[in-house]
C-alpha atoms as a PDB file:
ATOM      1  CA  MET A   1     117.726 -35.323 -60.065  1.00  0.00           C
ATOM      2  CA  THR A   2     118.997 -37.679 -57.356  1.00  0.00           C
ATOM      3  CA  ALA A   3     117.236 -40.871 -56.372  1.00  0.00           C
ATOM      4  CA  LEU A   4     116.213 -39.253 -53.096  1.00  0.00           C
ATOM      5  CA  ASP A   5     114.690 -36.280 -54.919  1.00  0.00           C
ATOM      6  CA  GLN A   6     112.783 -38.675 -57.153  1.00  0.00           C
ATOM      7  CA  TYR A   7     111.088 -40.345 -54.214  1.00  0.00           C
ATOM      8  CA  ARG A   8     110.738 -37.372 -51.878  1.00  0.00           C
ATOM      9  CA  ARG A   9     106.940 -37.273 -52.322  1.00  0.00           C
ATOM     10  CA  LEU A  10     106.484 -41.041 -52.173  1.00  0.00           C
ATOM     11  CA  GLU A  11     104.491 -42.152 -49.145  1.00  0.00           C
ATOM     12  CA  GLY A  12     102.923 -45.451 -48.205  1.00  0.00           C
ATOM     13  CA  PRO A  13     101.498 -47.541 -45.385  1.00  0.00           C
ATOM     14  CA  GLY A  14     103.463 -49.635 -42.930  1.00  0.00           C
ATOM     15  CA  LEU A  15     103.404 -51.079 -39.414  1.00  0.00           C
ATOM     16  CA  TRP A  16     105.901 -49.865 -36.785  1.00  0.00           C
ATOM     17  CA  ALA A  17     106.804 -50.765 -33.216  1.00  0.00           C
ATOM     18  CA  ALA A  18     109.202 -48.990 -30.893  1.00  0.00           C
ATOM     19  CA  SER A  19     110.568 -52.400 -29.886  1.00  0.00           C
ATOM     20  CA  GLY A  20     110.095 -55.994 -30.877  1.00  0.00           C
ATOM     21  CA  ALA A  21     107.916 -56.571 -27.821  1.00  0.00           C
ATOM     22  CA  ASP A  22     105.496 -53.699 -28.577  1.00  0.00           C
ATOM     23  CA  GLN A  23     102.337 -54.023 -30.636  1.00  0.00           C
ATOM     24  CA  ARG A  24     102.804 -52.665 -34.141  1.00  0.00           C
ATOM     25  CA  ARG A  25     100.774 -49.602 -35.140  1.00  0.00           C
ATOM     26  CA  GLU A  26      99.696 -48.218 -38.510  1.00  0.00           C
ATOM     27  CA  VAL A  27     102.076 -45.581 -39.836  1.00  0.00           C
ATOM     28  CA  VAL A  28     102.869 -43.572 -42.955  1.00  0.00           C
ATOM     29  CA  VAL A  29     106.402 -44.028 -44.269  1.00  0.00           C
ATOM     30  CA  SER A  30     108.061 -41.277 -46.321  1.00  0.00           C
ATOM     31  CA  PHE A  31     111.520 -40.075 -47.346  1.00  0.00           C
ATOM     32  CA  GLY A  32     113.165 -37.066 -45.721  1.00  0.00           C
ATOM     33  CA  GLU A  33     116.643 -35.573 -46.006  1.00  0.00           C
ATOM     34  CA  ALA A  34     118.636 -38.822 -46.108  1.00  0.00           C
ATOM     35  CA  THR A  35     116.198 -40.246 -43.562  1.00  0.00           C
ATOM     36  CA  LEU A  36     113.212 -42.523 -43.484  1.00  0.00           C
ATOM     37  CA  VAL A  37     110.359 -40.683 -41.737  1.00  0.00           C
ATOM     38  CA  ILE A  38     107.774 -42.715 -39.819  1.00  0.00           C
ATOM     39  CA  SER A  39     104.540 -40.874 -38.882  1.00  0.00           C
ATOM     40  CA  ASP A  40     101.282 -41.841 -37.182  1.00  0.00           C
ATOM     41  CA  SER A  41      98.742 -42.686 -39.913  1.00  0.00           C
ATOM     42  CA  ARG A  42      95.965 -40.608 -38.363  1.00  0.00           C
ATOM     43  CA  SER A  43      97.571 -37.611 -36.690  1.00  0.00           C
ATOM     44  CA  MET A  44     100.646 -37.550 -39.002  1.00  0.00           C
ATOM     45  CA  ILE A  45     102.795 -36.874 -35.919  1.00  0.00           C
ATOM     46  CA  VAL A  46     106.369 -37.996 -36.609  1.00  0.00           C
ATOM     47  CA  LEU A  47     107.227 -41.023 -34.477  1.00  0.00           C
ATOM     48  CA  SER A  48     110.778 -41.752 -35.631  1.00  0.00           C
ATOM     49  CA  HIS A  49     113.540 -40.827 -38.086  1.00  0.00           C
ATOM     50  CA  TRP A  50     115.886 -43.498 -39.421  1.00  0.00           C
ATOM     51  CA  SER A  51     119.138 -42.788 -41.231  1.00  0.00           C
ATOM     52  CA  LEU A  52     118.672 -44.308 -44.687  1.00  0.00           C
ATOM     53  CA  PRO A  53     122.204 -45.731 -44.999  1.00  0.00           C
ATOM     54  CA  ALA A  54     121.766 -47.455 -41.621  1.00  0.00           C
ATOM     55  CA  VAL A  55     118.443 -49.153 -42.395  1.00  0.00           C
ATOM     56  CA  VAL A  56     118.873 -52.946 -42.444  1.00  0.00           C
ATOM     57  CA  ARG A  57     116.417 -55.500 -43.763  1.00  0.00           C
ATOM     58  CA  LEU A  58     115.958 -58.276 -41.217  1.00  0.00           C
ATOM     59  CA  ASN A  59     114.419 -60.891 -43.545  1.00  0.00           C
ATOM     60  CA  PRO A  60     115.844 -60.584 -47.083  1.00  0.00           C
ATOM     61  CA  GLY A  61     113.656 -62.213 -49.707  1.00  0.00           C
ATOM     62  CA  LYS A  62     110.661 -62.700 -47.404  1.00  0.00           C
ATOM     63  CA  ARG A  63     107.350 -60.819 -47.147  1.00  0.00           C
ATOM     64  CA  PRO A  64     106.297 -58.689 -45.481  1.00  0.00           C
ATOM     65  CA  ALA A  65     109.695 -56.983 -45.383  1.00  0.00           C
ATOM     66  CA  LEU A  66     111.027 -56.192 -41.893  1.00  0.00           C
ATOM     67  CA  TYR A  67     113.517 -53.397 -41.228  1.00  0.00           C
ATOM     68  CA  SER A  68     115.295 -51.882 -38.277  1.00  0.00           C
ATOM     69  CA  PRO A  69     117.872 -49.113 -37.848  1.00  0.00           C
ATOM     70  CA  GLU A  70     121.408 -50.547 -37.712  1.00  0.00           C
ATOM     71  CA  GLY A  71     119.806 -54.008 -37.603  1.00  0.00           C
ATOM     72  CA  ASP A  72     119.751 -53.825 -33.822  1.00  0.00           C
ATOM     73  CA  GLY A  73     116.251 -55.312 -33.564  1.00  0.00           C
ATOM     74  CA  GLY A  74     114.976 -52.408 -31.435  1.00  0.00           C
ATOM     75  CA  GLU A  75     112.524 -50.473 -33.557  1.00  0.00           C
ATOM     76  CA  VAL A  76     110.876 -52.612 -36.245  1.00  0.00           C
ATOM     77  CA  LEU A  77     109.169 -51.460 -39.444  1.00  0.00           C
ATOM     78  CA  GLU A  78     107.016 -53.814 -41.507  1.00  0.00           C
ATOM     79  CA  LEU A  79     106.419 -52.990 -45.188  1.00  0.00           C
ATOM     80  CA  ASP A  80     104.300 -54.914 -47.671  1.00  0.00           C
ATOM     81  CA  ASP A  81     104.181 -52.211 -50.359  1.00  0.00           C
ATOM     82  CA  ASP A  82     106.219 -53.120 -53.466  1.00  0.00           C
ATOM     83  CA  TRP A  83     106.771 -49.474 -54.385  1.00  0.00           C
ATOM     84  CA  LEU A  84     108.170 -48.542 -50.986  1.00  0.00           C
ATOM     85  CA  ILE A  85     110.347 -51.651 -50.724  1.00  0.00           C
ATOM     86  CA  ASP A  86     111.847 -51.120 -54.193  1.00  0.00           C
ATOM     87  CA  ALA A  87     112.258 -47.381 -53.665  1.00  0.00           C
ATOM     88  CA  LEU A  88     114.086 -48.021 -50.393  1.00  0.00           C
ATOM     89  CA  LYS A  89     116.513 -50.292 -52.257  1.00  0.00           C
ATOM     90  CA  VAL A  90     117.222 -47.615 -54.857  1.00  0.00           C
ATOM     91  CA  VAL A  91     117.647 -44.779 -52.370  1.00  0.00           C
ATOM     92  CA  GLN A  92     119.959 -46.835 -50.168  1.00  0.00           C
ATOM     93  CA  ALA A  93     121.990 -47.797 -53.220  1.00  0.00           C
ATOM     94  CA  ALA A  94     122.244 -44.149 -54.244  1.00  0.00           C
ATOM     95  CA  LEU A  95     123.613 -43.273 -50.799  1.00  0.00           C
ATOM     96  CA  SER A  96     126.190 -46.048 -51.013  1.00  0.00           C
ATOM     97  CA  PRO A  97     129.568 -45.627 -52.831  1.00  0.00           C
ATOM     98  CA  PRO A  98     129.195 -45.271 -56.642  1.00  0.00           C
ATOM     99  CA  ARG A  99     130.697 -48.678 -57.309  1.00  0.00           C
ATOM    100  CA  SER A 100     128.071 -50.365 -55.149  1.00  0.00           C
ATOM    101  CA  LEU A 101     125.380 -48.361 -56.861  1.00  0.00           C
ATOM    102  CA  PHE A 102     126.527 -49.561 -60.280  1.00  0.00           C
ATOM    103  CA  ALA A 103     126.505 -53.137 -59.089  1.00  0.00           C
ATOM    104  CA  ARG A 104     122.984 -52.975 -57.705  1.00  0.00           C
ATOM    105  CA  LEU A 105     120.994 -50.965 -60.221  1.00  0.00           C
ATOM    106  CA  ARG A 106     119.711 -52.898 -63.202  1.00  0.00           C
ATOM    107  CA  LYS A 107     117.601 -51.698 -66.118  1.00  0.00           C
ATOM    108  CA  PRO A 108     114.542 -53.829 -65.256  1.00  0.00           C
ATOM    109  CA  VAL A 109     114.521 -52.428 -61.729  1.00  0.00           C
ATOM    110  CA  LEU A 110     114.856 -48.869 -62.960  1.00  0.00           C
ATOM    111  CA  GLY A 111     112.018 -49.349 -65.427  1.00  0.00           C
ATOM    112  CA  ALA A 112     109.732 -50.826 -62.805  1.00  0.00           C
ATOM    113  CA  LEU A 113     110.518 -48.066 -60.325  1.00  0.00           C
ATOM    114  CA  SER A 114     109.872 -45.359 -62.902  1.00  0.00           C
ATOM    115  CA  LEU A 115     106.398 -46.791 -63.357  1.00  0.00           C
ATOM    116  CA  ALA A 116     106.012 -47.008 -59.595  1.00  0.00           C
ATOM    117  CA  VAL A 117     106.782 -43.298 -59.219  1.00  0.00           C
ATOM    118  CA  VAL A 118     104.068 -42.405 -61.731  1.00  0.00           C
ATOM    119  CA  LEU A 119     101.544 -44.608 -59.970  1.00  0.00           C
ATOM    120  CA  ALA A 120     102.620 -43.386 -56.554  1.00  0.00           C
ATOM    121  CA  ALA A 121     101.999 -39.779 -57.568  1.00  0.00           C
ATOM    122  CA  ALA A 122      98.421 -40.721 -58.413  1.00  0.00           C
ATOM    123  CA  LEU A 123      97.628 -43.102 -55.577  1.00  0.00           C
ATOM    124  CA  ILE A 124     100.049 -43.145 -52.670  1.00  0.00           C
ATOM    125  CA  VAL A 125     100.241 -39.459 -51.704  1.00  0.00           C
ATOM    126  CA  PRO A 126      97.401 -39.365 -49.129  1.00  0.00           C
ATOM    127  CA  PRO A 127      95.186 -36.634 -50.708  1.00  0.00           C
ATOM    128  CA  ALA A 128      95.336 -38.375 -54.063  1.00  0.00           C
ATOM    129  CA  LEU A 129      94.654 -41.729 -52.417  1.00  0.00           C
ATOM    130  CA  VAL A 130      91.572 -40.355 -50.676  1.00  0.00           C
ATOM    131  CA  THR A 131      90.227 -38.747 -53.854  1.00  0.00           C
ATOM    132  CA  HIS A 132      90.843 -41.794 -56.009  1.00  0.00           C
ATOM    133  CA  THR A 133      89.393 -44.242 -53.488  1.00  0.00           C
ATOM    134  CA  ALA A 134      86.238 -42.160 -53.009  1.00  0.00           C
ATOM    135  CA  SER A 135      85.755 -41.974 -56.768  1.00  0.00           C
ATOM    136  CA  VAL A 136      85.532 -45.763 -57.115  1.00  0.00           C
ATOM    137  CA  VAL A 137      83.486 -46.638 -54.013  1.00  0.00           C
ATOM    138  CA  PRO A 138      79.996 -47.621 -55.247  1.00  0.00           C
ATOM    139  CA  MET A 139      76.753 -46.352 -53.751  1.00  0.00           C
ATOM    140  CA  ALA A 140      76.005 -49.748 -52.195  1.00  0.00           C
ATOM    141  CA  LYS A 141      79.227 -49.545 -50.151  1.00  0.00           C
ATOM    142  CA  ARG A 142      78.466 -45.961 -49.127  1.00  0.00           C
ATOM    143  CA  VAL A 143      75.027 -47.052 -47.903  1.00  0.00           C
ATOM    144  CA  GLU A 144      76.656 -49.861 -45.923  1.00  0.00           C
ATOM    145  CA  LEU A 145      79.121 -47.452 -44.307  1.00  0.00           C
ATOM    146  CA  ALA A 146      76.342 -44.979 -43.484  1.00  0.00           C
ATOM    147  CA  ASP A 147      74.362 -47.741 -41.759  1.00  0.00           C
ATOM    148  CA  ARG A 148      77.468 -48.670 -39.777  1.00  0.00           C
ATOM    149  CA  LEU A 149      77.876 -45.085 -38.576  1.00  0.00           C
ATOM    150  CA  ARG A 150      74.213 -44.891 -37.560  1.00  0.00           C
ATOM    151  CA  HIS A 151      74.625 -48.149 -35.611  1.00  0.00           C
ATOM    152  CA  ASP A 152      77.681 -46.693 -33.851  1.00  0.00           C
ATOM    153  CA  LEU A 153      75.560 -43.749 -32.702  1.00  0.00           C
ATOM    154  CA  VAL A 154      72.916 -46.118 -31.347  1.00  0.00           C
ATOM    155  CA  LEU A 155      75.600 -47.997 -29.418  1.00  0.00           C
ATOM    156  CA  SER A 156      76.764 -44.677 -27.941  1.00  0.00           C
ATOM    157  CA  GLY A 157      73.282 -43.938 -26.554  1.00  0.00           C
ATOM    158  CA  ALA A 158      71.324 -42.251 -29.366  1.00  0.00           C
ATOM    159  CA  ARG A 159      67.903 -43.593 -30.320  1.00  0.00           C
ATOM    160  CA  VAL A 160      66.178 -43.926 -33.690  1.00  0.00           C
ATOM    161  CA  CYS A 161      62.651 -42.483 -33.532  1.00  0.00           C
ATOM    162  CA  GLN A 162      59.880 -44.473 -35.231  1.00  0.00           C
ATOM    163  CA  SER A 163      56.111 -44.644 -35.026  1.00  0.00           C
ATOM    164  CA  PRO A 164      53.256 -46.139 -37.077  1.00  0.00           C
ATOM    165  CA  TYR A 165      52.126 -42.715 -38.303  1.00  0.00           C
ATOM    166  CA  GLY A 166      55.375 -40.775 -38.187  1.00  0.00           C
ATOM    167  CA  ASP A 167      57.228 -43.151 -40.523  1.00  0.00           C
ATOM    168  CA  PRO A 168      54.802 -42.608 -43.444  1.00  0.00           C
ATOM    169  CA  ALA A 169      55.065 -38.848 -42.918  1.00  0.00           C
ATOM    170  CA  ILE A 170      58.857 -39.057 -43.211  1.00  0.00           C
ATOM    171  CA  ALA A 171      58.506 -41.208 -46.330  1.00  0.00           C
ATOM    172  CA  SER A 172      56.203 -38.628 -47.903  1.00  0.00           C
ATOM    173  CA  LEU A 173      58.717 -35.861 -47.177  1.00  0.00           C
ATOM    174  CA  GLN A 174      61.532 -37.914 -48.740  1.00  0.00           C
ATOM    175  CA  ARG A 175      59.585 -38.473 -51.952  1.00  0.00           C
ATOM    176  CA  ARG A 176      58.633 -34.815 -52.204  1.00  0.00           C
ATOM    177  CA  LEU A 177      62.158 -33.462 -51.806  1.00  0.00           C
ATOM    178  CA  PHE A 178      64.318 -35.943 -53.740  1.00  0.00           C
ATOM    179  CA  GLN A 179      64.046 -37.591 -57.137  1.00  0.00           C
ATOM    180  CA  SER A 180      66.226 -40.540 -56.088  1.00  0.00           C
ATOM    181  CA  PRO A 181      65.582 -42.619 -52.940  1.00  0.00           C
ATOM    182  CA  VAL A 182      66.964 -41.235 -49.679  1.00  0.00           C
ATOM    183  CA  GLN A 183      66.474 -42.121 -46.038  1.00  0.00           C
ATOM    184  CA  ILE A 184      65.774 -39.448 -43.438  1.00  0.00           C
ATOM    185  CA  VAL A 185      66.167 -40.862 -39.926  1.00  0.00           C
ATOM    186  CA  VAL A 186      65.045 -38.919 -36.864  1.00  0.00           C
ATOM    187  CA  MET A 187      67.294 -39.562 -33.865  1.00  0.00           C
ATOM    188  CA  ARG A 188      67.134 -38.451 -30.261  1.00  0.00           C
ATOM    189  CA  GLY A 189      70.134 -38.132 -27.952  1.00  0.00           C
ATOM    190  CA  LEU A 190      72.738 -37.287 -30.591  1.00  0.00           C
ATOM    191  CA  PRO A 191      76.075 -36.226 -29.027  1.00  0.00           C
ATOM    192  CA  VAL A 192      76.054 -32.619 -30.238  1.00  0.00           C
ATOM    193  CA  ASP A 193      75.107 -29.320 -28.586  1.00  0.00           C
ATOM    194  CA  GLN A 194      73.473 -27.643 -31.593  1.00  0.00           C
ATOM    195  CA  PRO A 195      70.844 -29.739 -33.401  1.00  0.00           C
ATOM    196  CA  ARG A 196      71.367 -30.228 -37.123  1.00  0.00           C
ATOM    197  CA  VAL A 197      70.444 -32.193 -40.191  1.00  0.00           C
ATOM    198  CA  GLN A 198      73.509 -34.243 -41.113  1.00  0.00           C
ATOM    199  CA  HIS A 199      73.917 -35.911 -44.494  1.00  0.00           C
ATOM    200  CA  VAL A 200      76.121 -38.814 -43.420  1.00  0.00           C
ATOM    201  CA  MET A 201      76.847 -40.311 -46.836  1.00  0.00           C
ATOM    202  CA  GLY A 202      75.139 -42.443 -49.405  1.00  0.00           C
ATOM    203  CA  ARG A 203      71.434 -41.743 -49.021  1.00  0.00           C
ATOM    204  CA  LEU A 204      71.285 -41.312 -45.240  1.00  0.00           C
ATOM    205  CA  PHE A 205      70.271 -38.043 -43.538  1.00  0.00           C
ATOM    206  CA  LEU A 206      70.210 -37.842 -39.735  1.00  0.00           C
ATOM    207  CA  LEU A 207      67.679 -35.361 -38.377  1.00  0.00           C
ATOM    208  CA  ASP A 208      68.166 -34.315 -34.755  1.00  0.00           C
ATOM    209  CA  ALA A 209      64.800 -34.717 -32.999  1.00  0.00           C
ATOM    210  CA  ARG A 210      65.226 -31.311 -31.357  1.00  0.00           C
ATOM    211  CA  LEU A 211      64.678 -29.680 -34.757  1.00  0.00           C
ATOM    212  CA  LEU A 212      61.090 -30.946 -34.668  1.00  0.00           C
ATOM    213  CA  ASP A 213      60.517 -28.642 -31.698  1.00  0.00           C
ATOM    214  CA  GLU A 214      62.184 -25.704 -33.456  1.00  0.00           C
ATOM    215  CA  ALA A 215      60.682 -25.987 -36.952  1.00  0.00           C
ATOM    216  CA  GLU A 216      57.516 -23.936 -37.365  1.00  0.00           C
ATOM    217  CA  SER A 217      56.332 -25.848 -40.435  1.00  0.00           C
ATOM    218  CA  PRO A 218      57.174 -28.881 -42.588  1.00  0.00           C
ATOM    219  CA  GLU A 219      58.452 -26.458 -45.240  1.00  0.00           C
ATOM    220  CA  ALA A 220      60.978 -24.983 -42.808  1.00  0.00           C
ATOM    221  CA  LEU A 221      62.168 -28.463 -41.820  1.00  0.00           C
ATOM    222  CA  ALA A 222      62.365 -29.500 -45.471  1.00  0.00           C
ATOM    223  CA  GLY A 223      64.467 -26.436 -46.201  1.00  0.00           C
ATOM    224  CA  ALA A 224      67.002 -27.522 -43.573  1.00  0.00           C
ATOM    225  CA  VAL A 225      67.204 -30.957 -45.235  1.00  0.00           C
ATOM    226  CA  LEU A 226      67.818 -29.394 -48.672  1.00  0.00           C
ATOM    227  CA  LEU A 227      70.515 -27.162 -47.214  1.00  0.00           C
ATOM    228  CA  ALA A 228      72.271 -30.208 -45.734  1.00  0.00           C
ATOM    229  CA  ALA A 229      71.974 -32.046 -49.058  1.00  0.00           C
ATOM    230  CA  GLN A 230      73.637 -29.199 -50.942  1.00  0.00           C
ATOM    231  CA  ARG A 231      76.435 -28.977 -48.377  1.00  0.00           C
ATOM    232  CA  ASN A 232      77.543 -32.500 -49.209  1.00  0.00           C
ATOM    233  CA  ALA A 233      77.003 -32.021 -52.916  1.00  0.00           C
ATOM    234  CA  ASP A 234      79.899 -29.556 -52.710  1.00  0.00           C
ATOM    235  CA  ASP A 235      82.146 -31.887 -50.644  1.00  0.00           C
ATOM    236  CA  ASP A 236      82.119 -35.688 -50.908  1.00  0.00           C
ATOM    237  CA  PRO A 237      81.219 -36.956 -47.389  1.00  0.00           C
ATOM    238  CA  LEU A 238      83.437 -40.004 -47.887  1.00  0.00           C
ATOM    239  CA  HIS A 239      86.600 -37.847 -47.929  1.00  0.00           C
ATOM    240  CA  PRO A 240      86.644 -36.958 -44.204  1.00  0.00           C
ATOM    241  CA  LEU A 241      85.824 -40.558 -43.282  1.00  0.00           C
ATOM    242  CA  LEU A 242      88.837 -41.827 -45.240  1.00  0.00           C
ATOM    243  CA  ARG A 243      91.083 -39.190 -43.663  1.00  0.00           C
ATOM    244  CA  HIS A 244      89.850 -40.386 -40.260  1.00  0.00           C
ATOM    245  CA  ALA A 245      90.387 -44.040 -41.196  1.00  0.00           C
ATOM    246  CA  GLY A 246      94.037 -43.503 -42.133  1.00  0.00           C
ATOM    247  CA  VAL A 247      96.220 -44.496 -45.052  1.00  0.00           C
ATOM    248  CA  VAL A 248      96.331 -48.240 -44.380  1.00  0.00           C
ATOM    249  CA  ALA A 249      92.555 -48.615 -44.044  1.00  0.00           C
ATOM    250  CA  THR A 250      91.924 -46.430 -47.096  1.00  0.00           C
ATOM    251  CA  PHE A 251      94.346 -48.498 -49.149  1.00  0.00           C
ATOM    252  CA  ARG A 252      92.547 -51.647 -47.977  1.00  0.00           C
ATOM    253  CA  LEU A 253      89.194 -50.208 -49.052  1.00  0.00           C
ATOM    254  CA  LEU A 254      90.637 -49.404 -52.466  1.00  0.00           C
ATOM    255  CA  THR A 255      92.150 -52.818 -53.014  1.00  0.00           C
ATOM    256  CA  SER A 256      89.682 -55.138 -51.267  1.00  0.00           C
ATOM    257  CA  ALA A 257      86.455 -53.087 -50.912  1.00  0.00           C
ATOM    258  CA  ASP A 258      86.678 -53.618 -47.151  1.00  0.00           C
ATOM    259  CA  LEU A 259      86.954 -50.966 -44.436  1.00  0.00           C
ATOM    260  CA  PRO A 260      87.516 -52.496 -40.988  1.00  0.00           C
ATOM    261  CA  ALA A 261      85.202 -51.448 -38.170  1.00  0.00           C
ATOM    262  CA  SER A 262      88.180 -50.150 -36.191  1.00  0.00           C
ATOM    263  CA  ALA A 263      88.822 -47.582 -38.945  1.00  0.00           C
ATOM    264  CA  THR A 264      85.388 -45.969 -38.507  1.00  0.00           C
ATOM    265  CA  SER A 265      85.292 -46.166 -34.707  1.00  0.00           C
ATOM    266  CA  GLY A 266      84.420 -42.781 -33.214  1.00  0.00           C
ATOM    267  CA  TYR A 267      83.914 -41.136 -36.592  1.00  0.00           C
ATOM    268  CA  ALA A 268      80.130 -40.672 -36.325  1.00  0.00           C
ATOM    269  CA  GLN A 269      80.515 -38.693 -33.101  1.00  0.00           C
ATOM    270  CA  ALA A 270      83.358 -36.631 -34.588  1.00  0.00           C
ATOM    271  CA  LEU A 271      81.287 -35.897 -37.688  1.00  0.00           C
ATOM    272  CA  LEU A 272      78.410 -34.500 -35.660  1.00  0.00           C
ATOM    273  CA  ARG A 273      80.760 -32.245 -33.696  1.00  0.00           C
ATOM    274  CA  ALA A 274      82.649 -30.950 -36.737  1.00  0.00           C
ATOM    275  CA  PRO A 275      81.896 -27.411 -37.972  1.00  0.00           C
ATOM    276  CA  LEU A 276      79.414 -27.307 -40.831  1.00  0.00           C
ATOM    277  CA  ALA A 277      80.606 -25.835 -44.122  1.00  0.00           C
ATOM    278  CA  VAL A 278      78.632 -22.995 -45.653  1.00  0.00           C
ATOM    279  CA  PRO A 279      77.249 -24.122 -49.023  1.00  0.00           C
ATOM    280  CA  ASP A 280      77.144 -21.849 -52.053  1.00  0.00           C
ATOM    281  CA  ALA A 281      73.948 -19.784 -51.881  1.00  0.00           C
ATOM    282  CA  ALA A 282      73.342 -19.918 -55.642  1.00  0.00           C
ATOM    283  CA  SER A 283      73.555 -23.727 -55.604  1.00  0.00           C
ATOM    284  CA  VAL A 284      71.176 -23.891 -52.642  1.00  0.00           C
ATOM    285  CA  LEU A 285      68.660 -21.734 -54.522  1.00  0.00           C
ATOM    286  CA  GLU A 286      68.873 -24.050 -57.531  1.00  0.00           C
ATOM    287  CA  ARG A 287      68.102 -27.019 -55.273  1.00  0.00           C
ATOM    288  CA  PHE A 288      65.060 -25.238 -53.790  1.00  0.00           C
ATOM    289  CA  GLU A 289      63.882 -24.411 -57.301  1.00  0.00           C
ATOM    290  CA  ARG A 290      64.134 -28.042 -58.401  1.00  0.00           C
ATOM    291  CA  ALA A 291      62.117 -29.038 -55.333  1.00  0.00           C
ATOM    292  CA  GLU A 292      59.612 -26.233 -56.052  1.00  0.00           C
ATOM    293  CA  LEU A 293      60.055 -25.049 -52.492  1.00  0.00           C
ATOM    294  CA  SER A 294      60.199 -21.501 -51.192  1.00  0.00           C
ATOM    295  CA  THR A 295      63.180 -20.456 -49.077  1.00  0.00           C
ATOM    296  CA  ARG A 296      61.078 -18.139 -46.917  1.00  0.00           C
ATOM    297  CA  PRO A 297      59.835 -20.734 -44.378  1.00  0.00           C
ATOM    298  CA  LEU A 298      63.449 -21.713 -43.680  1.00  0.00           C
ATOM    299  CA  VAL A 299      64.963 -18.226 -43.407  1.00  0.00           C
ATOM    300  CA  ASP A 300      61.948 -16.779 -41.530  1.00  0.00           C
ATOM    301  CA  ASN A 301      61.676 -19.641 -39.026  1.00  0.00           C
ATOM    302  CA  PRO A 302      61.866 -18.218 -35.470  1.00  0.00           C
ATOM    303  CA  PHE A 303      64.726 -20.594 -34.639  1.00  0.00           C
ATOM    304  CA  MET A 304      67.769 -20.922 -36.913  1.00  0.00           C
ATOM    305  CA  LEU A 305      67.669 -24.501 -38.214  1.00  0.00           C
ATOM    306  CA  ASP A 306      71.173 -24.445 -39.749  1.00  0.00           C
ATOM    307  CA  PRO A 307      74.182 -22.349 -38.667  1.00  0.00           C
ATOM    308  CA  ALA A 308      74.999 -21.551 -42.310  1.00  0.00           C
ATOM    309  CA  LEU A 309      71.932 -19.313 -42.382  1.00  0.00           C
ATOM    310  CA  GLU A 310      73.897 -16.699 -40.458  1.00  0.00           C
ATOM    311  CA  GLN A 311      75.792 -16.049 -43.683  1.00  0.00           C
ATOM    312  CA  ILE A 312      73.478 -16.992 -46.539  1.00  0.00           C
ATOM    313  CA  ALA A 313      69.975 -16.165 -45.228  1.00  0.00           C
ATOM    314  CA  PRO A 314      69.881 -12.722 -46.953  1.00  0.00           C
ATOM    315  CA  ALA A 315      70.804 -14.274 -50.301  1.00  0.00           C
ATOM    316  CA  LEU A 316      68.238 -17.052 -49.887  1.00  0.00           C
ATOM    317  CA  ARG A 317      65.521 -14.559 -48.983  1.00  0.00           C
ATOM    318  CA  ALA A 318      66.331 -12.265 -51.906  1.00  0.00           C
ATOM    319  CA  GLY A 319      66.620 -15.119 -54.406  1.00  0.00           C
ATOM    320  CA  ASP A 320      63.534 -17.097 -53.356  1.00  0.00           C
ATOM    321  CA  PRO A 321      62.726 -19.127 -56.511  1.00  0.00           C
ATOM    322  CA  MET A 322      59.042 -19.304 -55.641  1.00  0.00           C
ATOM    323  CA  ALA A 323      58.555 -15.556 -55.065  1.00  0.00           C
ATOM    324  CA  GLY A 324      55.511 -14.347 -56.957  1.00  0.00           C
ATOM    325  CA  GLU A 325      54.255 -17.892 -57.553  1.00  0.00           C
ATOM    326  CA  PRO A 326      50.766 -18.991 -56.464  1.00  0.00           C
ATOM    327  CA  PRO A 327      50.558 -20.396 -52.897  1.00  0.00           C
ATOM    328  CA  GLN A 328      52.024 -23.865 -52.727  1.00  0.00           C
ATOM    329  CA  THR A 329      50.258 -26.985 -51.570  1.00  0.00           C
ATOM    330  CA  ALA A 330      51.529 -27.926 -48.112  1.00  0.00           C
ATOM    331  CA  LEU A 331      54.305 -30.527 -48.114  1.00  0.00           C
ATOM    332  CA  LEU A 332      52.460 -32.451 -45.417  1.00  0.00           C
ATOM    333  CA  ASN A 333      48.866 -32.154 -44.305  1.00  0.00           C
ATOM    334  CA  ASP A 334      48.113 -31.297 -40.692  1.00  0.00           C
ATOM    335  CA  GLY A 335      47.739 -34.929 -39.653  1.00  0.00           C
ATOM    336  CA  GLN A 336      51.060 -35.931 -41.223  1.00  0.00           C
ATOM    337  CA  TRP A 337      52.853 -32.972 -39.631  1.00  0.00           C
ATOM    338  CA  VAL A 338      51.515 -33.800 -36.164  1.00  0.00           C
ATOM    339  CA  SER A 339      52.510 -37.450 -36.662  1.00  0.00           C
ATOM    340  CA  LEU A 340      56.032 -36.396 -37.621  1.00  0.00           C
ATOM    341  CA  LEU A 341      56.314 -34.072 -34.624  1.00  0.00           C
ATOM    342  CA  ASN A 342      55.381 -36.984 -32.341  1.00  0.00           C
ATOM    343  CA  ILE A 343      57.515 -39.647 -34.044  1.00  0.00           C
ATOM    344  CA  CYS A 344      59.760 -40.029 -31.001  1.00  0.00           C
ATOM    345  CA  ASP A 345      56.769 -40.804 -28.785  1.00  0.00           C
ATOM    346  CA  GLY A 346      55.664 -43.829 -30.821  1.00  0.00           C
END
């Protein structure tokens, strides 16, 4: 295995500018066929290829490390990642004449880089970085990020609906459906054509106010909330946010527990416009059973409250966990239901 083969899957964050006068942008740096590949951190569009033997460090011994092709000072790449900086040294040495390679490679460096490759495989390759970062982000941070996304929607023109009688009705619905605390927020003016219940992350659910006009009963509305909850039980909602934020911001969240506001800009709107995954019908039925809620009000509602019902409504109707059970007590009494329906008027 050559040194280049060893680092072919190594990727990491950097800052790049097309010229010294341009503002540097976040990029992903990786190794290609004898080239250094520089790609946009969000779109992954390749911005530049540098010949590895021609890459010159502009500030030896200083950090962050600055590089340019041929040392001409045109394009500039800034690296502050030890693994990438050391790997670049090794790969460049391997592409130099054998005698130079022998002079440069030392056992301590080789040992450190071997460890770096193992760690890079777990953390630096973007999918692994996203998965690992999401696994260590605590609930408190997720709640903070969810609140930030809700605030972004308010700044874009959406409105949180509240009223003296509607708020207690929402609170009653939350307690009835979930064992752990959640927050269901009704919003009007969300930037999406088809209304939905969106589990943002943490404990926050956004309920499009238009669903209040389309739900025939509190049980039907509650069913749409449970369906949204199961959708995100199958797919961690932090993953798409980190992919949107980019490698540099994700790495910062992992190392400093901070995600800059610029990294989440525009994500809330994109989330609401993204196609909704279809959750596993069997898992949805288990969730309805735990909540002691029939699936029939949801699947028989005159208006479809979730697009996934196009595919899983027959299974939910056939597998209704409350079929044959005595009539259930209403989730909300008539006064609570009317208060909830009018929550945007308060």
